[in-house]
Amino acid sequence: MGGTPDALVLHTVEETHWMNATELRTAIETRRPDLDLRMARTPEESAAAIPGAEVVLASYVPSSLLDRASSLAWIQALSAGVDFFDVERLRERGVVLTSASGVHAQPIAEQVLGYLLAFERGLDRAFRRQRRGVWERFSGGELAGKTLGIVGVGAIGGRIAEFANAIGMRVIGTKRDPSTAPDAVSEIHGPDGLYDVLAAANYVVLSCPLTERTRGLIGRDEIGAMNDDAVLVNVARGGVVDQPALTTALQQRAIRGAALDVFETEPLPSDSPLWDLSNVIVTPHMAGDTPHKHDRIADVFVENYEAFTTDDPDAMRNRVL
C-alpha cells in the first residue's frame, strides 16, 4: 500500500454502547500523531465519508455503506467476533478484515472468575439473604480440584484457563487447532471432543466465536450431556446457545445454574424467565468492558496500520481475511 491511506471511524463505533469514538481516536493519534482519522458521528456522515475511505474502524458496516465503500481495502473490527460483518462479501471484494481478538481477554477472564466464585462460594445466595436481612450461615465449596471446561480456547479462553489453573482447577477444553493449546490447559480436544468436555466439567465456559458452525452449538442434547451439578457460563455470543432449551433446563434444574452475559436478543426482554430464576446470573453484555479498552484497541490498530502501510498484510494481527 505505502503512503497515508484515508482512514475513517464509522458512526457504528459508538453503537456498541461501550466505546467512545473520541477517546479511541485520541488513543490512536497519541501513538501515531501523523495519522489523521476522520470521524463520522451519524449514518449520514458515514455515508458521505465512506466512498473515499481506504481504512475503516467499525463495530459493523451496514450493507448500504458497504455498497458505497468503493475505495475500501481494510476494516479493523472493534470486537473479537466478526459475526456482525458480511465476511463473504468482504472476501469476494478482497478487503482485509482484522479483529480485536485478545483485547478483551483480561476483563472477561476476571468476570468469569467472578461467576465461578459466586456459584462455588454461594455469594448469590448470600446477596439474596442480605437483601432480606437474614443472618444464616452456610458452607461454600472450593474451586480448587474442580474441572473447568472451556469451549473455544482462543485468546479469551486461554486467559480464563490461566486464571483457573492458578487457583488449582483442572482445565480441559476444545480448540479448532488443538496443537496450539496453552500450557494452562491439561487436556485439549478438537471440536469433535465437545461431549467429552461437557461430560467431565463442573463448570463449562463458552468463549468461542459465533460462526455458522457454532450457531446453536449448545442445545438440548449438549446440555443433557452436562452433569446435573454443572454450571454453564456464556461469554461468547447468545447465538451459540439454544436459549429456550437452556431456559427449560434451568427451570427444571437439569443443571445447577448459568451465568450469562450474552443472549439471543439484546437487551434481554423484560418478560424473559431468565430474569427471575434464582440459579441464573444475568449481566448486560459487559464482560469485555474495561477502562483500558481504548488503549488496547489502539495498540492493535496501530500495529496493523504499520503493517498495512508497508505492504505487509501477512504481518497484520488478528487477520480474519
C-alpha atoms as a PDB file:
ATOM      1  CA  MET A   1       0.000   0.000   0.000  1.00  0.00           C
ATOM      2  CA  GLY A   2       2.513   2.668   1.117  1.00  0.00           C
ATOM      3  CA  GLY A   3       1.616   6.321   1.612  1.00  0.00           C
ATOM      4  CA  THR A   4      -1.025   7.598   4.019  1.00  0.00           C
ATOM      5  CA  PRO A   5      -4.388   5.944   3.398  1.00  0.00           C
ATOM      6  CA  ASP A   6      -7.636   7.735   4.129  1.00  0.00           C
ATOM      7  CA  ALA A   7      -8.850   6.359   7.480  1.00  0.00           C
ATOM      8  CA  LEU A   8     -12.379   6.700   8.862  1.00  0.00           C
ATOM      9  CA  VAL A   9     -14.036   5.924  12.190  1.00  0.00           C
ATOM     10  CA  LEU A  10     -17.639   4.965  11.393  1.00  0.00           C
ATOM     11  CA  HIS A  11     -20.609   6.099  13.455  1.00  0.00           C
ATOM     12  CA  THR A  12     -21.225   2.439  14.345  1.00  0.00           C
ATOM     13  CA  VAL A  13     -18.264   2.518  16.747  1.00  0.00           C
ATOM     14  CA  GLU A  14     -20.415   4.086  19.454  1.00  0.00           C
ATOM     15  CA  GLU A  15     -23.443   1.889  18.791  1.00  0.00           C
ATOM     16  CA  THR A  16     -21.849  -0.838  20.874  1.00  0.00           C
ATOM     17  CA  HIS A  17     -22.612   1.379  23.937  1.00  0.00           C
ATOM     18  CA  TRP A  18     -19.181   0.738  25.404  1.00  0.00           C
ATOM     19  CA  MET A  19     -16.836   2.523  23.021  1.00  0.00           C
ATOM     20  CA  ASN A  20     -16.222   6.274  22.871  1.00  0.00           C
ATOM     21  CA  ALA A  21     -15.067   7.233  19.377  1.00  0.00           C
ATOM     22  CA  THR A  22     -13.301  10.388  20.516  1.00  0.00           C
ATOM     23  CA  GLU A  23     -11.308   8.536  23.168  1.00  0.00           C
ATOM     24  CA  LEU A  24     -10.409   5.864  20.634  1.00  0.00           C
ATOM     25  CA  ARG A  25      -9.166   8.454  18.136  1.00  0.00           C
ATOM     26  CA  THR A  26      -7.148  10.193  20.860  1.00  0.00           C
ATOM     27  CA  ALA A  27      -5.529   6.910  21.872  1.00  0.00           C
ATOM     28  CA  ILE A  28      -4.605   6.152  18.247  1.00  0.00           C
ATOM     29  CA  GLU A  29      -3.292   9.629  17.453  1.00  0.00           C
ATOM     30  CA  THR A  30      -1.226   9.636  20.652  1.00  0.00           C
ATOM     31  CA  ARG A  31       0.589   6.633  19.219  1.00  0.00           C
ATOM     32  CA  ARG A  32       0.663   7.927  15.650  1.00  0.00           C
ATOM     33  CA  PRO A  33       0.439  11.752  15.620  1.00  0.00           C
ATOM     34  CA  ASP A  34       0.853  11.695  11.841  1.00  0.00           C
ATOM     35  CA  LEU A  35      -2.370   9.766  11.407  1.00  0.00           C
ATOM     36  CA  ASP A  36      -5.412  11.983  10.944  1.00  0.00           C
ATOM     37  CA  LEU A  37      -8.552   9.917  11.477  1.00  0.00           C
ATOM     38  CA  ARG A  38     -11.771  11.241  10.069  1.00  0.00           C
ATOM     39  CA  MET A  39     -14.800  10.869  12.339  1.00  0.00           C
ATOM     40  CA  ALA A  40     -18.359  10.087  11.263  1.00  0.00           C
ATOM     41  CA  ARG A  41     -20.902  10.688  14.027  1.00  0.00           C
ATOM     42  CA  THR A  42     -24.118   9.889  12.179  1.00  0.00           C
ATOM     43  CA  PRO A  43     -25.247   7.489   9.449  1.00  0.00           C
ATOM     44  CA  GLU A  44     -25.384  10.442   7.076  1.00  0.00           C
ATOM     45  CA  GLU A  45     -21.800  11.448   7.855  1.00  0.00           C
ATOM     46  CA  SER A  46     -20.652   7.858   7.370  1.00  0.00           C
ATOM     47  CA  ALA A  47     -22.439   7.668   4.021  1.00  0.00           C
ATOM     48  CA  ALA A  48     -20.801  10.891   2.861  1.00  0.00           C
ATOM     49  CA  ALA A  49     -17.295   9.948   4.000  1.00  0.00           C
ATOM     50  CA  ILE A  50     -17.009   6.256   3.189  1.00  0.00           C
ATOM     51  CA  PRO A  51     -16.550   6.428  -0.630  1.00  0.00           C
ATOM     52  CA  GLY A  52     -13.013   7.756  -0.153  1.00  0.00           C
ATOM     53  CA  ALA A  53     -12.095   5.667   2.883  1.00  0.00           C
ATOM     54  CA  GLU A  54      -9.443   3.006   2.374  1.00  0.00           C
ATOM     55  CA  VAL A  55      -9.302   2.087   6.079  1.00  0.00           C
ATOM     56  CA  VAL A  56     -12.363   1.837   8.331  1.00  0.00           C
ATOM     57  CA  LEU A  57     -12.693   1.255  12.077  1.00  0.00           C
ATOM     58  CA  ALA A  58     -16.153  -0.032  12.927  1.00  0.00           C
ATOM     59  CA  SER A  59     -18.304  -2.227  15.119  1.00  0.00           C
ATOM     60  CA  TYR A  60     -20.069  -3.274  11.917  1.00  0.00           C
ATOM     61  CA  VAL A  61     -20.558  -1.920   8.409  1.00  0.00           C
ATOM     62  CA  PRO A  62     -24.166  -1.767   7.192  1.00  0.00           C
ATOM     63  CA  SER A  63     -24.782  -3.148   3.727  1.00  0.00           C
ATOM     64  CA  SER A  64     -25.808   0.290   2.470  1.00  0.00           C
ATOM     65  CA  LEU A  65     -22.417   1.699   3.463  1.00  0.00           C
ATOM     66  CA  LEU A  66     -20.530  -1.249   2.033  1.00  0.00           C
ATOM     67  CA  ASP A  67     -22.227  -0.522  -1.291  1.00  0.00           C
ATOM     68  CA  ARG A  68     -20.715   2.980  -1.226  1.00  0.00           C
ATOM     69  CA  ALA A  69     -17.244   1.967   0.016  1.00  0.00           C
ATOM     70  CA  SER A  70     -15.556   1.955  -3.386  1.00  0.00           C
ATOM     71  CA  SER A  71     -12.028   2.540  -2.013  1.00  0.00           C
ATOM     72  CA  LEU A  72     -12.231   0.190   0.963  1.00  0.00           C
ATOM     73  CA  ALA A  73      -9.168  -2.015   1.484  1.00  0.00           C
ATOM     74  CA  TRP A  74      -9.146  -2.833   5.226  1.00  0.00           C
ATOM     75  CA  ILE A  75     -11.601  -2.939   8.121  1.00  0.00           C
ATOM     76  CA  GLN A  76     -10.442  -3.009  11.727  1.00  0.00           C
ATOM     77  CA  ALA A  77     -13.242  -4.541  13.788  1.00  0.00           C
ATOM     78  CA  LEU A  78     -13.559  -3.490  17.421  1.00  0.00           C
ATOM     79  CA  SER A  79     -14.665  -6.865  18.747  1.00  0.00           C
ATOM     80  CA  ALA A  80     -13.115 -10.307  18.932  1.00  0.00           C
ATOM     81  CA  GLY A  81     -16.013 -11.752  16.949  1.00  0.00           C
ATOM     82  CA  VAL A  82     -16.727 -10.659  13.384  1.00  0.00           C
ATOM     83  CA  ASP A  83     -20.214 -12.128  13.063  1.00  0.00           C
ATOM     84  CA  PHE A  84     -21.634  -8.613  12.546  1.00  0.00           C
ATOM     85  CA  PHE A  85     -19.678  -8.270   9.278  1.00  0.00           C
ATOM     86  CA  ASP A  86     -20.558  -9.640   5.846  1.00  0.00           C
ATOM     87  CA  VAL A  87     -17.439 -11.784   5.719  1.00  0.00           C
ATOM     88  CA  GLU A  88     -18.249 -13.485   2.426  1.00  0.00           C
ATOM     89  CA  ARG A  89     -18.860 -10.213   0.656  1.00  0.00           C
ATOM     90  CA  LEU A  90     -15.646  -8.743   2.039  1.00  0.00           C
ATOM     91  CA  ARG A  91     -13.753 -11.838   0.900  1.00  0.00           C
ATOM     92  CA  GLU A  92     -15.171 -11.501  -2.610  1.00  0.00           C
ATOM     93  CA  ARG A  93     -14.014  -7.894  -2.727  1.00  0.00           C
ATOM     94  CA  GLY A  94     -10.564  -8.698  -1.384  1.00  0.00           C
ATOM     95  CA  VAL A  95     -10.993  -6.468   1.677  1.00  0.00           C
ATOM     96  CA  VAL A  96      -8.702  -7.226   4.612  1.00  0.00           C
ATOM     97  CA  LEU A  97     -10.577  -7.773   7.895  1.00  0.00           C
ATOM     98  CA  THR A  98      -8.850  -7.780  11.277  1.00  0.00           C
ATOM     99  CA  SER A  99     -10.474  -8.325  14.651  1.00  0.00           C
ATOM    100  CA  ALA A 100      -9.736  -7.075  18.152  1.00  0.00           C
ATOM    101  CA  SER A 101      -9.182 -10.597  19.444  1.00  0.00           C
ATOM    102  CA  GLY A 102      -7.311 -10.595  22.735  1.00  0.00           C
ATOM    103  CA  VAL A 103      -8.035  -7.035  23.835  1.00  0.00           C
ATOM    104  CA  HIS A 104     -10.957  -8.201  25.976  1.00  0.00           C
ATOM    105  CA  ALA A 105      -9.249 -11.263  27.431  1.00  0.00           C
ATOM    106  CA  GLN A 106      -8.299  -9.785  30.804  1.00  0.00           C
ATOM    107  CA  PRO A 107     -11.672  -8.290  31.824  1.00  0.00           C
ATOM    108  CA  ILE A 108     -13.626 -11.271  30.519  1.00  0.00           C
ATOM    109  CA  ALA A 109     -11.381 -13.710  32.364  1.00  0.00           C
ATOM    110  CA  GLU A 110     -11.803 -11.702  35.571  1.00  0.00           C
ATOM    111  CA  GLN A 111     -15.582 -11.674  35.143  1.00  0.00           C
ATOM    112  CA  VAL A 112     -15.668 -15.411  34.512  1.00  0.00           C
ATOM    113  CA  LEU A 113     -13.676 -15.938  37.692  1.00  0.00           C
ATOM    114  CA  GLY A 114     -16.264 -13.823  39.486  1.00  0.00           C
ATOM    115  CA  TYR A 115     -19.074 -16.024  38.144  1.00  0.00           C
ATOM    116  CA  LEU A 116     -17.288 -19.180  39.270  1.00  0.00           C
ATOM    117  CA  LEU A 117     -16.670 -17.805  42.746  1.00  0.00           C
ATOM    118  CA  ALA A 118     -20.271 -16.598  43.030  1.00  0.00           C
ATOM    119  CA  PHE A 119     -21.598 -20.097  42.385  1.00  0.00           C
ATOM    120  CA  GLU A 120     -18.916 -22.023  44.255  1.00  0.00           C
ATOM    121  CA  ARG A 121     -18.918 -19.840  47.383  1.00  0.00           C
ATOM    122  CA  GLY A 122     -22.667 -19.195  47.334  1.00  0.00           C
ATOM    123  CA  LEU A 123     -22.284 -15.438  47.008  1.00  0.00           C
ATOM    124  CA  ASP A 124     -25.554 -15.154  45.076  1.00  0.00           C
ATOM    125  CA  ARG A 125     -27.329 -16.857  47.979  1.00  0.00           C
ATOM    126  CA  ALA A 126     -25.641 -14.524  50.469  1.00  0.00           C
ATOM    127  CA  PHE A 127     -26.689 -11.447  48.462  1.00  0.00           C
ATOM    128  CA  ARG A 128     -30.326 -12.577  48.428  1.00  0.00           C
ATOM    129  CA  ARG A 129     -30.276 -13.124  52.198  1.00  0.00           C
ATOM    130  CA  GLN A 130     -28.631  -9.763  52.737  1.00  0.00           C
ATOM    131  CA  ARG A 131     -31.486  -8.032  50.924  1.00  0.00           C
ATOM    132  CA  ARG A 132     -33.933  -9.803  53.254  1.00  0.00           C
ATOM    133  CA  GLY A 133     -31.852  -9.059  56.358  1.00  0.00           C
ATOM    134  CA  VAL A 134     -31.331 -12.768  57.072  1.00  0.00           C
ATOM    135  CA  TRP A 135     -28.264 -13.966  59.013  1.00  0.00           C
ATOM    136  CA  GLU A 136     -27.883 -17.667  58.320  1.00  0.00           C
ATOM    137  CA  ARG A 137     -24.526 -19.334  57.856  1.00  0.00           C
ATOM    138  CA  PHE A 138     -23.923 -21.898  55.124  1.00  0.00           C
ATOM    139  CA  SER A 139     -20.927 -23.694  53.665  1.00  0.00           C
ATOM    140  CA  GLY A 140     -19.358 -22.747  50.353  1.00  0.00           C
ATOM    141  CA  GLY A 141     -17.283 -25.015  48.175  1.00  0.00           C
ATOM    142  CA  GLU A 142     -13.807 -24.692  46.685  1.00  0.00           C
ATOM    143  CA  LEU A 143     -12.892 -24.242  43.058  1.00  0.00           C
ATOM    144  CA  ALA A 144      -9.533 -25.946  43.596  1.00  0.00           C
ATOM    145  CA  GLY A 145      -9.798 -29.513  42.381  1.00  0.00           C
ATOM    146  CA  LYS A 146     -12.868 -28.843  40.235  1.00  0.00           C
ATOM    147  CA  THR A 147     -12.823 -29.248  36.450  1.00  0.00           C
ATOM    148  CA  LEU A 148     -13.333 -26.277  34.155  1.00  0.00           C
ATOM    149  CA  GLY A 149     -14.271 -26.999  30.553  1.00  0.00           C
ATOM    150  CA  ILE A 150     -13.628 -24.212  28.052  1.00  0.00           C
ATOM    151  CA  VAL A 151     -15.333 -24.379  24.670  1.00  0.00           C
ATOM    152  CA  GLY A 152     -13.088 -22.282  22.451  1.00  0.00           C
ATOM    153  CA  VAL A 153      -9.593 -21.916  23.903  1.00  0.00           C
ATOM    154  CA  GLY A 154      -8.573 -18.825  21.962  1.00  0.00           C
ATOM    155  CA  ALA A 155      -7.155 -15.597  23.395  1.00  0.00           C
ATOM    156  CA  ILE A 156     -10.033 -15.189  25.843  1.00  0.00           C
ATOM    157  CA  GLY A 157     -10.358 -18.867  26.685  1.00  0.00           C
ATOM    158  CA  GLY A 158      -6.607 -19.096  27.188  1.00  0.00           C
ATOM    159  CA  ARG A 159      -6.621 -16.260  29.738  1.00  0.00           C
ATOM    160  CA  ILE A 160      -9.557 -17.866  31.551  1.00  0.00           C
ATOM    161  CA  ALA A 161      -7.558 -21.105  31.634  1.00  0.00           C
ATOM    162  CA  GLU A 162      -4.595 -19.309  33.231  1.00  0.00           C
ATOM    163  CA  PHE A 163      -6.786 -17.868  35.993  1.00  0.00           C
ATOM    164  CA  ALA A 164      -8.451 -21.211  36.677  1.00  0.00           C
ATOM    165  CA  ASN A 165      -5.153 -23.084  36.643  1.00  0.00           C
ATOM    166  CA  ALA A 166      -3.658 -20.595  39.115  1.00  0.00           C
ATOM    167  CA  ILE A 167      -6.313 -21.385  41.728  1.00  0.00           C
ATOM    168  CA  GLY A 168      -5.952 -25.126  41.345  1.00  0.00           C
ATOM    169  CA  MET A 169      -8.671 -26.058  38.879  1.00  0.00           C
ATOM    170  CA  ARG A 170      -8.176 -28.753  36.270  1.00  0.00           C
ATOM    171  CA  VAL A 171      -8.710 -27.151  32.877  1.00  0.00           C
ATOM    172  CA  ILE A 172      -9.855 -29.011  29.786  1.00  0.00           C
ATOM    173  CA  GLY A 173     -11.236 -27.625  26.564  1.00  0.00           C
ATOM    174  CA  THR A 174     -11.861 -27.615  22.845  1.00  0.00           C
ATOM    175  CA  LYS A 175      -9.929 -25.712  20.218  1.00  0.00           C
ATOM    176  CA  ARG A 176     -10.127 -25.691  16.449  1.00  0.00           C
ATOM    177  CA  ASP A 177      -6.383 -26.392  16.318  1.00  0.00           C
ATOM    178  CA  PRO A 178      -5.572 -28.453  19.435  1.00  0.00           C
ATOM    179  CA  SER A 179      -1.839 -28.284  18.710  1.00  0.00           C
ATOM    180  CA  THR A 180      -1.780 -24.626  19.789  1.00  0.00           C
ATOM    181  CA  ALA A 181      -3.353 -25.030  23.236  1.00  0.00           C
ATOM    182  CA  PRO A 182      -1.742 -23.049  26.093  1.00  0.00           C
ATOM    183  CA  ASP A 183       0.104 -24.787  28.907  1.00  0.00           C
ATOM    184  CA  ALA A 184      -2.662 -23.943  31.398  1.00  0.00           C
ATOM    185  CA  VAL A 185      -4.941 -26.468  29.655  1.00  0.00           C
ATOM    186  CA  SER A 186      -4.222 -30.008  30.798  1.00  0.00           C
ATOM    187  CA  GLU A 187      -6.441 -31.780  28.264  1.00  0.00           C
ATOM    188  CA  ILE A 188      -7.377 -30.389  24.862  1.00  0.00           C
ATOM    189  CA  HIS A 189      -9.753 -31.715  22.220  1.00  0.00           C
ATOM    190  CA  GLY A 190     -10.709 -30.724  18.719  1.00  0.00           C
ATOM    191  CA  PRO A 191     -14.292 -29.616  18.048  1.00  0.00           C
ATOM    192  CA  ASP A 192     -15.365 -33.272  17.892  1.00  0.00           C
ATOM    193  CA  GLY A 193     -14.430 -33.658  21.563  1.00  0.00           C
ATOM    194  CA  LEU A 194     -17.167 -31.312  22.781  1.00  0.00           C
ATOM    195  CA  TYR A 195     -19.191 -34.022  24.512  1.00  0.00           C
ATOM    196  CA  ASP A 196     -16.122 -35.308  26.346  1.00  0.00           C
ATOM    197  CA  VAL A 197     -15.561 -31.827  27.772  1.00  0.00           C
ATOM    198  CA  LEU A 198     -19.217 -31.291  28.684  1.00  0.00           C
ATOM    199  CA  ALA A 199     -19.444 -34.627  30.490  1.00  0.00           C
ATOM    200  CA  ALA A 200     -16.287 -34.075  32.551  1.00  0.00           C
ATOM    201  CA  ALA A 201     -16.688 -30.442  33.635  1.00  0.00           C
ATOM    202  CA  ASN A 202     -18.102 -28.941  36.820  1.00  0.00           C
ATOM    203  CA  TYR A 203     -18.138 -25.574  35.060  1.00  0.00           C
ATOM    204  CA  VAL A 204     -18.433 -25.037  31.305  1.00  0.00           C
ATOM    205  CA  VAL A 205     -17.361 -21.708  29.793  1.00  0.00           C
ATOM    206  CA  LEU A 206     -18.301 -20.774  26.240  1.00  0.00           C
ATOM    207  CA  SER A 207     -15.718 -18.447  24.678  1.00  0.00           C
ATOM    208  CA  CYS A 208     -15.871 -19.468  21.018  1.00  0.00           C
ATOM    209  CA  PRO A 209     -16.710 -17.157  18.110  1.00  0.00           C
ATOM    210  CA  LEU A 210     -20.185 -17.236  16.593  1.00  0.00           C
ATOM    211  CA  THR A 211     -19.993 -18.822  13.151  1.00  0.00           C
ATOM    212  CA  GLU A 212     -22.326 -20.974  11.100  1.00  0.00           C
ATOM    213  CA  ARG A 213     -20.565 -23.941  12.673  1.00  0.00           C
ATOM    214  CA  THR A 214     -21.059 -22.771  16.270  1.00  0.00           C
ATOM    215  CA  ARG A 215     -24.557 -21.307  15.987  1.00  0.00           C
ATOM    216  CA  GLY A 216     -26.784 -23.373  18.272  1.00  0.00           C
ATOM    217  CA  LEU A 217     -23.743 -25.389  19.359  1.00  0.00           C
ATOM    218  CA  ILE A 218     -25.142 -25.882  22.857  1.00  0.00           C
ATOM    219  CA  GLY A 219     -28.634 -27.297  22.547  1.00  0.00           C
ATOM    220  CA  ARG A 220     -30.811 -29.758  24.401  1.00  0.00           C
ATOM    221  CA  ASP A 221     -28.550 -32.758  23.740  1.00  0.00           C
ATOM    222  CA  GLU A 222     -25.381 -30.909  24.749  1.00  0.00           C
ATOM    223  CA  ILE A 223     -26.978 -29.588  27.929  1.00  0.00           C
ATOM    224  CA  GLY A 224     -28.155 -33.115  28.615  1.00  0.00           C
ATOM    225  CA  ALA A 225     -24.540 -34.298  28.397  1.00  0.00           C
ATOM    226  CA  MET A 226     -23.551 -31.995  31.262  1.00  0.00           C
ATOM    227  CA  ASN A 227     -23.563 -33.076  34.903  1.00  0.00           C
ATOM    228  CA  ASP A 228     -26.676 -32.097  36.829  1.00  0.00           C
ATOM    229  CA  ASP A 229     -24.493 -30.073  39.237  1.00  0.00           C
ATOM    230  CA  ALA A 230     -22.646 -28.252  36.425  1.00  0.00           C
ATOM    231  CA  VAL A 231     -22.808 -24.524  35.713  1.00  0.00           C
ATOM    232  CA  LEU A 232     -22.812 -23.050  32.194  1.00  0.00           C
ATOM    233  CA  VAL A 233     -21.096 -19.690  31.602  1.00  0.00           C
ATOM    234  CA  ASN A 234     -21.607 -17.893  28.294  1.00  0.00           C
ATOM    235  CA  VAL A 235     -19.287 -15.004  27.395  1.00  0.00           C
ATOM    236  CA  ALA A 236     -19.272 -15.868  23.670  1.00  0.00           C
ATOM    237  CA  ARG A 237     -22.420 -14.869  21.777  1.00  0.00           C
ATOM    238  CA  GLY A 238     -26.060 -15.559  22.571  1.00  0.00           C
ATOM    239  CA  GLY A 239     -26.483 -17.462  19.325  1.00  0.00           C
ATOM    240  CA  VAL A 240     -24.040 -20.155  20.424  1.00  0.00           C
ATOM    241  CA  VAL A 241     -26.726 -21.443  22.810  1.00  0.00           C
ATOM    242  CA  ASP A 242     -30.266 -22.651  22.160  1.00  0.00           C
ATOM    243  CA  GLN A 243     -31.728 -20.235  24.703  1.00  0.00           C
ATOM    244  CA  PRO A 244     -35.192 -21.872  25.036  1.00  0.00           C
ATOM    245  CA  ALA A 245     -33.541 -25.256  25.652  1.00  0.00           C
ATOM    246  CA  LEU A 246     -31.235 -23.732  28.261  1.00  0.00           C
ATOM    247  CA  THR A 247     -34.113 -21.906  29.963  1.00  0.00           C
ATOM    248  CA  THR A 248     -36.081 -25.147  30.240  1.00  0.00           C
ATOM    249  CA  ALA A 249     -33.065 -26.994  31.660  1.00  0.00           C
ATOM    250  CA  LEU A 250     -32.545 -24.274  34.265  1.00  0.00           C
ATOM    251  CA  GLN A 251     -36.217 -24.215  35.231  1.00  0.00           C
ATOM    252  CA  GLN A 252     -36.181 -27.999  35.659  1.00  0.00           C
ATOM    253  CA  ARG A 253     -32.829 -27.893  37.498  1.00  0.00           C
ATOM    254  CA  ALA A 254     -31.358 -30.261  34.925  1.00  0.00           C
ATOM    255  CA  ILE A 255     -28.113 -28.351  35.518  1.00  0.00           C
ATOM    256  CA  ARG A 256     -27.112 -26.384  38.593  1.00  0.00           C
ATOM    257  CA  GLY A 257     -27.150 -22.943  37.040  1.00  0.00           C
ATOM    258  CA  ALA A 258     -25.862 -20.495  34.456  1.00  0.00           C
ATOM    259  CA  ALA A 259     -24.027 -17.172  34.268  1.00  0.00           C
ATOM    260  CA  LEU A 260     -24.993 -15.375  31.074  1.00  0.00           C
ATOM    261  CA  ASP A 261     -23.504 -12.183  29.658  1.00  0.00           C
ATOM    262  CA  VAL A 262     -24.884 -12.605  26.129  1.00  0.00           C
ATOM    263  CA  PHE A 263     -28.319 -13.503  24.778  1.00  0.00           C
ATOM    264  CA  GLU A 264     -30.182 -14.274  21.562  1.00  0.00           C
ATOM    265  CA  THR A 265     -31.944 -10.904  21.825  1.00  0.00           C
ATOM    266  CA  GLU A 266     -30.255  -7.947  23.495  1.00  0.00           C
ATOM    267  CA  PRO A 267     -31.268  -6.237  25.655  1.00  0.00           C
ATOM    268  CA  LEU A 268     -32.751  -9.347  27.270  1.00  0.00           C
ATOM    269  CA  PRO A 269     -36.540  -8.834  27.065  1.00  0.00           C
ATOM    270  CA  SER A 270     -38.197  -7.882  30.342  1.00  0.00           C
ATOM    271  CA  ASP A 271     -40.540 -10.878  30.126  1.00  0.00           C
ATOM    272  CA  SER A 272     -37.714 -13.417  29.827  1.00  0.00           C
ATOM    273  CA  PRO A 273     -37.951 -16.049  32.571  1.00  0.00           C
ATOM    274  CA  LEU A 274     -34.167 -15.895  32.925  1.00  0.00           C
ATOM    275  CA  TRP A 275     -34.515 -12.679  34.954  1.00  0.00           C
ATOM    276  CA  ASP A 276     -36.359 -14.445  37.758  1.00  0.00           C
ATOM    277  CA  LEU A 277     -34.506 -17.745  38.049  1.00  0.00           C
ATOM    278  CA  SER A 278     -32.535 -17.972  41.284  1.00  0.00           C
ATOM    279  CA  ASN A 279     -29.934 -20.223  39.642  1.00  0.00           C
ATOM    280  CA  VAL A 280     -29.065 -17.687  36.924  1.00  0.00           C
ATOM    281  CA  ILE A 281     -26.734 -14.685  36.949  1.00  0.00           C
ATOM    282  CA  VAL A 282     -27.617 -12.163  34.222  1.00  0.00           C
ATOM    283  CA  THR A 283     -25.149  -9.436  33.207  1.00  0.00           C
ATOM    284  CA  PRO A 284     -25.759  -6.944  30.357  1.00  0.00           C
ATOM    285  CA  HIS A 285     -23.094  -7.956  27.801  1.00  0.00           C
ATOM    286  CA  MET A 286     -20.389  -6.098  29.694  1.00  0.00           C
ATOM    287  CA  ALA A 287     -17.758  -8.756  30.407  1.00  0.00           C
ATOM    288  CA  GLY A 288     -15.372  -7.284  27.847  1.00  0.00           C
ATOM    289  CA  ASP A 289     -15.708  -3.698  29.034  1.00  0.00           C
ATOM    290  CA  THR A 290     -12.705  -2.142  30.745  1.00  0.00           C
ATOM    291  CA  PRO A 291     -11.191   1.322  31.301  1.00  0.00           C
ATOM    292  CA  HIS A 292      -8.257   0.133  29.178  1.00  0.00           C
ATOM    293  CA  LYS A 293     -10.292  -0.754  26.074  1.00  0.00           C
ATOM    294  CA  HIS A 294      -9.370   2.286  24.006  1.00  0.00           C
ATOM    295  CA  ASP A 295      -5.641   1.847  24.605  1.00  0.00           C
ATOM    296  CA  ARG A 296      -5.696  -1.851  23.816  1.00  0.00           C
ATOM    297  CA  ILE A 297      -7.650  -1.440  20.598  1.00  0.00           C
ATOM    298  CA  ALA A 298      -5.392   1.464  19.625  1.00  0.00           C
ATOM    299  CA  ASP A 299      -2.356  -0.793  20.083  1.00  0.00           C
ATOM    300  CA  VAL A 300      -3.851  -3.407  17.753  1.00  0.00           C
ATOM    301  CA  PHE A 301      -4.894  -0.839  15.164  1.00  0.00           C
ATOM    302  CA  VAL A 302      -1.540   0.952  15.097  1.00  0.00           C
ATOM    303  CA  GLU A 303       0.364  -2.321  14.778  1.00  0.00           C
ATOM    304  CA  ASN A 304      -1.894  -3.334  11.896  1.00  0.00           C
ATOM    305  CA  TYR A 305      -1.751   0.119  10.316  1.00  0.00           C
ATOM    306  CA  GLU A 306       2.029  -0.026  10.192  1.00  0.00           C
ATOM    307  CA  ALA A 307       1.934  -3.444   8.536  1.00  0.00           C
ATOM    308  CA  PHE A 308      -0.779  -2.315   6.115  1.00  0.00           C
ATOM    309  CA  THR A 309       1.048   0.832   5.026  1.00  0.00           C
ATOM    310  CA  THR A 310       4.313  -1.058   4.460  1.00  0.00           C
ATOM    311  CA  ASP A 311       2.642  -3.608   2.197  1.00  0.00           C
ATOM    312  CA  ASP A 312       2.981  -6.433   4.715  1.00  0.00           C
ATOM    313  CA  PRO A 313      -0.623  -7.614   5.241  1.00  0.00           C
ATOM    314  CA  ASP A 314       0.561 -11.033   6.409  1.00  0.00           C
ATOM    315  CA  ALA A 315       2.021  -9.330   9.497  1.00  0.00           C
ATOM    316  CA  MET A 316      -1.331  -7.873  10.496  1.00  0.00           C
ATOM    317  CA  ARG A 317      -2.542  -9.057  13.888  1.00  0.00           C
ATOM    318  CA  ASN A 318      -5.838 -10.995  14.196  1.00  0.00           C
ATOM    319  CA  ARG A 319      -6.312 -11.154  10.455  1.00  0.00           C
ATOM    320  CA  VAL A 320      -9.585 -12.841   9.522  1.00  0.00           C
ATOM    321  CA  LEU A 321      -9.422 -12.106   5.780  1.00  0.00           C
END
